[in-house]
PDB file of N, CA and C in Angstrom:
ATOM      1  N   MET A   1     -41.995  16.010 -21.748  1.00  0.00           N
ATOM      2  CA  MET A   1     -41.261  15.417 -20.633  1.00  0.00           C
ATOM      3  C   MET A   1     -39.798  15.331 -21.025  1.00  0.00           C
ATOM      4  N   ALA A   2     -38.883  15.827 -20.215  1.00  0.00           N
ATOM      5  CA  ALA A   2     -37.436  15.757 -20.465  1.00  0.00           C
ATOM      6  C   ALA A   2     -36.894  14.361 -20.209  1.00  0.00           C
ATOM      7  N   THR A   3     -35.949  13.914 -20.929  1.00  0.00           N
ATOM      8  CA  THR A   3     -35.337  12.701 -20.736  1.00  0.00           C
ATOM      9  C   THR A   3     -33.784  12.742 -20.588  1.00  0.00           C
ATOM     10  N   ASP A   4     -33.214  11.915 -19.813  1.00  0.00           N
ATOM     11  CA  ASP A   4     -31.815  12.016 -19.615  1.00  0.00           C
ATOM     12  C   ASP A   4     -31.098  11.408 -20.889  1.00  0.00           C
ATOM     13  N   ILE A   5     -29.986  12.111 -21.225  1.00  0.00           N
ATOM     14  CA  ILE A   5     -29.114  11.470 -22.270  1.00  0.00           C
ATOM     15  C   ILE A   5     -28.028  10.642 -21.691  1.00  0.00           C
ATOM     16  N   THR A   6     -27.994   9.401 -22.084  1.00  0.00           N
ATOM     17  CA  THR A   6     -26.986   8.459 -21.622  1.00  0.00           C
ATOM     18  C   THR A   6     -26.039   8.209 -22.663  1.00  0.00           C
ATOM     19  N   VAL A   7     -24.827   7.920 -22.306  1.00  0.00           N
ATOM     20  CA  VAL A   7     -23.728   7.580 -23.230  1.00  0.00           C
ATOM     21  C   VAL A   7     -23.650   5.975 -23.479  1.00  0.00           C
ATOM     22  N   GLU A   8     -23.969   5.527 -24.658  1.00  0.00           N
ATOM     23  CA  GLU A   8     -24.086   4.075 -24.857  1.00  0.00           C
ATOM     24  C   GLU A   8     -22.734   3.603 -25.323  1.00  0.00           C
ATOM     25  N   ASN A   9     -21.740   4.466 -25.823  1.00  0.00           N
ATOM     26  CA  ASN A   9     -20.550   3.963 -26.236  1.00  0.00           C
ATOM     27  C   ASN A   9     -19.596   3.732 -25.057  1.00  0.00           C
ATOM     28  N   GLU A  10     -19.231   2.450 -24.868  1.00  0.00           N
ATOM     29  CA  GLU A  10     -18.388   2.099 -23.704  1.00  0.00           C
ATOM     30  C   GLU A  10     -17.045   2.774 -23.574  1.00  0.00           C
ATOM     31  N   ASP A  11     -16.356   3.119 -24.802  1.00  0.00           N
ATOM     32  CA  ASP A  11     -15.055   3.767 -24.818  1.00  0.00           C
ATOM     33  C   ASP A  11     -15.212   5.167 -24.220  1.00  0.00           C
ATOM     34  N   GLU A  12     -16.290   5.736 -24.461  1.00  0.00           N
ATOM     35  CA  GLU A  12     -16.600   7.208 -23.954  1.00  0.00           C
ATOM     36  C   GLU A  12     -16.796   7.170 -22.378  1.00  0.00           C
ATOM     37  N   VAL A  13     -17.447   6.064 -21.874  1.00  0.00           N
ATOM     38  CA  VAL A  13     -17.553   5.894 -20.367  1.00  0.00           C
ATOM     39  C   VAL A  13     -16.157   5.768 -19.729  1.00  0.00           C
ATOM     40  N   ARG A  14     -15.225   4.939 -20.395  1.00  0.00           N
ATOM     41  CA  ARG A  14     -13.962   4.761 -19.870  1.00  0.00           C
ATOM     42  C   ARG A  14     -13.092   6.053 -19.918  1.00  0.00           C
ATOM     43  N   LYS A  15     -13.306   6.729 -20.956  1.00  0.00           N
ATOM     44  CA  LYS A  15     -12.521   8.075 -21.121  1.00  0.00           C
ATOM     45  C   LYS A  15     -12.922   9.037 -19.961  1.00  0.00           C
ATOM     46  N   THR A  16     -14.141   9.057 -19.663  1.00  0.00           N
ATOM     47  CA  THR A  16     -14.639   9.979 -18.627  1.00  0.00           C
ATOM     48  C   THR A  16     -14.124   9.562 -17.205  1.00  0.00           C
ATOM     49  N   SER A  17     -14.047   8.233 -16.961  1.00  0.00           N
ATOM     50  CA  SER A  17     -13.555   7.826 -15.682  1.00  0.00           C
ATOM     51  C   SER A  17     -12.063   7.956 -15.668  1.00  0.00           C
ATOM     52  N   TRP A  18     -11.357   7.822 -16.712  1.00  0.00           N
ATOM     53  CA  TRP A  18      -9.833   7.945 -16.717  1.00  0.00           C
ATOM     54  C   TRP A  18      -9.557   9.438 -16.409  1.00  0.00           C
ATOM     55  N   GLU A  19     -10.284  10.298 -17.003  1.00  0.00           N
ATOM     56  CA  GLU A  19     -10.095  11.769 -16.767  1.00  0.00           C
ATOM     57  C   GLU A  19     -10.433  12.158 -15.296  1.00  0.00           C
ATOM     58  N   ALA A  20     -11.374  11.588 -14.751  1.00  0.00           N
ATOM     59  CA  ALA A  20     -11.733  11.838 -13.376  1.00  0.00           C
ATOM     60  C   ALA A  20     -10.685  11.292 -12.398  1.00  0.00           C
ATOM     61  N   PHE A  21     -10.203  10.065 -12.758  1.00  0.00           N
ATOM     62  CA  PHE A  21      -9.203   9.426 -11.918  1.00  0.00           C
ATOM     63  C   PHE A  21      -7.905  10.355 -11.848  1.00  0.00           C
ATOM     64  N   VAL A  22      -7.567  10.927 -13.054  1.00  0.00           N
ATOM     65  CA  VAL A  22      -6.273  11.657 -13.164  1.00  0.00           C
ATOM     66  C   VAL A  22      -6.550  12.991 -12.436  1.00  0.00           C
ATOM     67  N   LYS A  23      -7.643  13.658 -12.645  1.00  0.00           N
ATOM     68  CA  LYS A  23      -7.867  14.979 -12.019  1.00  0.00           C
ATOM     69  C   LYS A  23      -8.120  14.886 -10.584  1.00  0.00           C
ATOM     70  N   GLN A  24      -8.506  13.673 -10.031  1.00  0.00           N
ATOM     71  CA  GLN A  24      -8.733  13.609  -8.600  1.00  0.00           C
ATOM     72  C   GLN A  24      -7.709  12.823  -7.868  1.00  0.00           C
ATOM     73  N   ASP A  25      -7.682  11.485  -8.098  1.00  0.00           N
ATOM     74  CA  ASP A  25      -6.712  10.680  -7.381  1.00  0.00           C
ATOM     75  C   ASP A  25      -5.303  10.902  -7.696  1.00  0.00           C
ATOM     76  N   VAL A  26      -4.928  11.072  -8.854  1.00  0.00           N
ATOM     77  CA  VAL A  26      -3.552  11.239  -9.234  1.00  0.00           C
ATOM     78  C   VAL A  26      -2.993  12.709  -8.813  1.00  0.00           C
ATOM     79  N   LEU A  27      -3.849  13.619  -8.995  1.00  0.00           N
ATOM     80  CA  LEU A  27      -3.515  15.027  -8.535  1.00  0.00           C
ATOM     81  C   LEU A  27      -3.419  15.040  -7.078  1.00  0.00           C
ATOM     82  N   ASN A  28      -4.359  14.359  -6.314  1.00  0.00           N
ATOM     83  CA  ASN A  28      -4.184  14.285  -4.914  1.00  0.00           C
ATOM     84  C   ASN A  28      -2.895  13.541  -4.395  1.00  0.00           C
ATOM     85  N   PHE A  29      -2.463  12.578  -5.064  1.00  0.00           N
ATOM     86  CA  PHE A  29      -1.197  11.899  -4.780  1.00  0.00           C
ATOM     87  C   PHE A  29      -0.042  12.827  -4.960  1.00  0.00           C
ATOM     88  N   LEU A  30      -0.015  13.610  -6.020  1.00  0.00           N
ATOM     89  CA  LEU A  30       1.055  14.499  -6.312  1.00  0.00           C
ATOM     90  C   LEU A  30       1.096  15.584  -5.296  1.00  0.00           C
ATOM     91  N   LEU A  31       0.032  16.085  -4.816  1.00  0.00           N
ATOM     92  CA  LEU A  31      -0.099  17.084  -3.808  1.00  0.00           C
ATOM     93  C   LEU A  31       0.424  16.503  -2.453  1.00  0.00           C
ATOM     94  N   GLU A  32      -0.108  15.343  -2.082  1.00  0.00           N
ATOM     95  CA  GLU A  32       0.276  14.777  -0.712  1.00  0.00           C
ATOM     96  C   GLU A  32       1.716  14.461  -0.601  1.00  0.00           C
ATOM     97  N   HIS A  33       2.442  14.241  -1.696  1.00  0.00           N
ATOM     98  CA  HIS A  33       3.801  13.801  -1.677  1.00  0.00           C
ATOM     99  C   HIS A  33       4.678  14.987  -2.095  1.00  0.00           C
ATOM    100  N   ASN A  34       4.089  16.074  -2.433  1.00  0.00           N
ATOM    101  CA  ASN A  34       4.877  17.327  -2.752  1.00  0.00           C
ATOM    102  C   ASN A  34       5.759  17.087  -3.951  1.00  0.00           C
ATOM    103  N   LEU A  35       5.258  16.465  -5.021  1.00  0.00           N
ATOM    104  CA  LEU A  35       6.043  16.169  -6.190  1.00  0.00           C
ATOM    105  C   LEU A  35       5.864  17.378  -7.195  1.00  0.00           C
ATOM    106  N   GLN A  36       6.901  17.494  -8.240  1.00  0.00           N
ATOM    107  CA  GLN A  36       6.777  18.492  -9.159  1.00  0.00           C
ATOM    108  C   GLN A  36       5.974  18.052 -10.406  1.00  0.00           C
ATOM    109  N   ALA A  37       6.125  16.715 -10.708  1.00  0.00           N
ATOM    110  CA  ALA A  37       5.370  16.142 -11.991  1.00  0.00           C
ATOM    111  C   ALA A  37       5.107  14.714 -11.693  1.00  0.00           C
ATOM    112  N   ILE A  38       4.118  14.225 -12.383  1.00  0.00           N
ATOM    113  CA  ILE A  38       3.769  12.786 -12.265  1.00  0.00           C
ATOM    114  C   ILE A  38       3.204  12.370 -13.635  1.00  0.00           C
ATOM    115  N   THR A  39       3.451  11.104 -14.046  1.00  0.00           N
ATOM    116  CA  THR A  39       2.997  10.584 -15.343  1.00  0.00           C
ATOM    117  C   THR A  39       2.239   9.285 -15.005  1.00  0.00           C
ATOM    118  N   ALA A  40       1.063   9.208 -15.550  1.00  0.00           N
ATOM    119  CA  ALA A  40       0.222   7.944 -15.367  1.00  0.00           C
ATOM    120  C   ALA A  40      -0.019   7.312 -16.735  1.00  0.00           C
ATOM    121  N   ASP A  41      -0.009   5.933 -16.801  1.00  0.00           N
ATOM    122  CA  ASP A  41      -0.253   5.299 -18.136  1.00  0.00           C
ATOM    123  C   ASP A  41      -1.080   4.048 -17.663  1.00  0.00           C
ATOM    124  N   ASP A  42      -2.253   3.930 -18.402  1.00  0.00           N
ATOM    125  CA  ASP A  42      -3.173   2.815 -18.123  1.00  0.00           C
ATOM    126  C   ASP A  42      -2.768   1.505 -18.861  1.00  0.00           C
ATOM    127  N   GLY A  43      -1.733   1.591 -19.759  1.00  0.00           N
ATOM    128  CA  GLY A  43      -1.291   0.350 -20.509  1.00  0.00           C
ATOM    129  C   GLY A  43      -2.083   0.020 -21.769  1.00  0.00           C
ATOM    130  N   ALA A  44      -3.080   0.867 -21.915  1.00  0.00           N
ATOM    131  CA  ALA A  44      -3.966   0.659 -23.058  1.00  0.00           C
ATOM    132  C   ALA A  44      -4.004   1.804 -24.032  1.00  0.00           C
ATOM    133  N   GLY A  45      -2.995   2.707 -23.966  1.00  0.00           N
ATOM    134  CA  GLY A  45      -2.948   3.814 -24.832  1.00  0.00           C
ATOM    135  C   GLY A  45      -3.339   5.181 -24.127  1.00  0.00           C
ATOM    136  N   LYS A  46      -3.800   5.224 -22.963  1.00  0.00           N
ATOM    137  CA  LYS A  46      -4.234   6.427 -22.344  1.00  0.00           C
ATOM    138  C   LYS A  46      -3.055   6.795 -21.338  1.00  0.00           C
ATOM    139  N   LYS A  47      -2.663   8.157 -21.497  1.00  0.00           N
ATOM    140  CA  LYS A  47      -1.612   8.660 -20.647  1.00  0.00           C
ATOM    141  C   LYS A  47      -1.949  10.024 -20.049  1.00  0.00           C
ATOM    142  N   ALA A  48      -1.402  10.371 -19.039  1.00  0.00           N
ATOM    143  CA  ALA A  48      -1.574  11.654 -18.364  1.00  0.00           C
ATOM    144  C   ALA A  48      -0.373  12.107 -17.692  1.00  0.00           C
ATOM    145  N   VAL A  49      -0.114  13.460 -17.811  1.00  0.00           N
ATOM    146  CA  VAL A  49       1.047  14.068 -17.185  1.00  0.00           C
ATOM    147  C   VAL A  49       0.484  15.313 -16.433  1.00  0.00           C
ATOM    148  N   ILE A  50       0.845  15.341 -15.140  1.00  0.00           N
ATOM    149  CA  ILE A  50       0.484  16.606 -14.334  1.00  0.00           C
ATOM    150  C   ILE A  50       1.776  17.149 -13.929  1.00  0.00           C
ATOM    151  N   LYS A  51       1.931  18.527 -14.149  1.00  0.00           N
ATOM    152  CA  LYS A  51       3.097  19.224 -13.768  1.00  0.00           C
ATOM    153  C   LYS A  51       2.804  20.509 -12.987  1.00  0.00           C
ATOM    154  N   ARG A  52       3.640  20.880 -12.027  1.00  0.00           N
ATOM    155  CA  ARG A  52       3.561  22.063 -11.383  1.00  0.00           C
ATOM    156  C   ARG A  52       4.221  23.135 -12.180  1.00  0.00           C
ATOM    157  N   THR A  53       3.425  24.273 -12.523  1.00  0.00           N
ATOM    158  CA  THR A  53       4.057  25.338 -13.330  1.00  0.00           C
ATOM    159  C   THR A  53       4.899  26.275 -12.458  1.00  0.00           C
ATOM    160  N   ALA A  54       5.562  27.202 -13.154  1.00  0.00           N
ATOM    161  CA  ALA A  54       6.391  28.135 -12.405  1.00  0.00           C
ATOM    162  C   ALA A  54       5.562  29.043 -11.499  1.00  0.00           C
ATOM    163  N   LYS A  55       4.266  29.285 -11.847  1.00  0.00           N
ATOM    164  CA  LYS A  55       3.432  30.132 -11.080  1.00  0.00           C
ATOM    165  C   LYS A  55       2.752  29.364  -9.955  1.00  0.00           C
ATOM    166  N   GLY A  56       2.976  28.097  -9.858  1.00  0.00           N
ATOM    167  CA  GLY A  56       2.374  27.230  -8.791  1.00  0.00           C
ATOM    168  C   GLY A  56       1.153  26.572  -9.149  1.00  0.00           C
ATOM    169  N   ASP A  57       0.651  26.797 -10.356  1.00  0.00           N
ATOM    170  CA  ASP A  57      -0.568  26.118 -10.839  1.00  0.00           C
ATOM    171  C   ASP A  57      -0.186  24.686 -11.278  1.00  0.00           C
ATOM    172  N   TYR A  58      -1.175  23.896 -11.614  1.00  0.00           N
ATOM    173  CA  TYR A  58      -1.026  22.521 -12.082  1.00  0.00           C
ATOM    174  C   TYR A  58      -1.537  22.418 -13.466  1.00  0.00           C
ATOM    175  N   SER A  59      -0.651  21.939 -14.375  1.00  0.00           N
ATOM    176  CA  SER A  59      -1.059  21.633 -15.793  1.00  0.00           C
ATOM    177  C   SER A  59      -1.327  20.182 -15.978  1.00  0.00           C
ATOM    178  N   VAL A  60      -2.471  19.883 -16.538  1.00  0.00           N
ATOM    179  CA  VAL A  60      -2.877  18.402 -16.725  1.00  0.00           C
ATOM    180  C   VAL A  60      -3.002  18.190 -18.303  1.00  0.00           C
ATOM    181  N   GLN A  61      -2.285  17.188 -18.679  1.00  0.00           N
ATOM    182  CA  GLN A  61      -2.274  16.802 -20.076  1.00  0.00           C
ATOM    183  C   GLN A  61      -2.755  15.418 -20.183  1.00  0.00           C
ATOM    184  N   ILE A  62      -3.830  15.085 -20.990  1.00  0.00           N
ATOM    185  CA  ILE A  62      -4.370  13.701 -21.101  1.00  0.00           C
ATOM    186  C   ILE A  62      -4.331  13.488 -22.539  1.00  0.00           C
ATOM    187  N   THR A  63      -3.769  12.186 -22.914  1.00  0.00           N
ATOM    188  CA  THR A  63      -3.657  11.851 -24.362  1.00  0.00           C
ATOM    189  C   THR A  63      -4.103  10.404 -24.440  1.00  0.00           C
ATOM    190  N   SER A  64      -4.581  10.044 -25.595  1.00  0.00           N
ATOM    191  CA  SER A  64      -5.004   8.617 -25.794  1.00  0.00           C
ATOM    192  C   SER A  64      -4.764   8.210 -27.292  1.00  0.00           C
ATOM    193  N   ASN A  65      -4.447   6.988 -27.444  1.00  0.00           N
ATOM    194  CA  ASN A  65      -4.110   6.369 -28.763  1.00  0.00           C
ATOM    195  C   ASN A  65      -5.228   5.394 -28.983  1.00  0.00           C
ATOM    196  N   GLU A  66      -5.869   5.544 -30.222  1.00  0.00           N
ATOM    197  CA  GLU A  66      -6.998   4.606 -30.577  1.00  0.00           C
ATOM    198  C   GLU A  66      -6.610   3.975 -31.877  1.00  0.00           C
ATOM    199  N   ILE A  67      -6.789   2.705 -31.919  1.00  0.00           N
ATOM    200  CA  ILE A  67      -6.535   1.898 -33.153  1.00  0.00           C
ATOM    201  C   ILE A  67      -7.865   1.810 -33.882  1.00  0.00           C
ATOM    202  N   LEU A  68      -7.978   2.219 -35.096  1.00  0.00           N
ATOM    203  CA  LEU A  68      -9.168   2.207 -35.914  1.00  0.00           C
ATOM    204  C   LEU A  68      -9.158   1.073 -37.037  1.00  0.00           C
TER     205      LEU A  68
END
């Protein structure tokens, strides 16, 4: 019998939802307002930059800082 794999690490769950937020809501905001670039920062070390390339594509860069 197959079982589902769940992510127990809370930081991993936040990372997934941050990436989904950037790739959906932030990208949609950029498109709706016809912007060339947008930067999002969650205040806790996660940042995202979405830019329109010369070819008309969109480049998404997501970074995070973690204190160990």
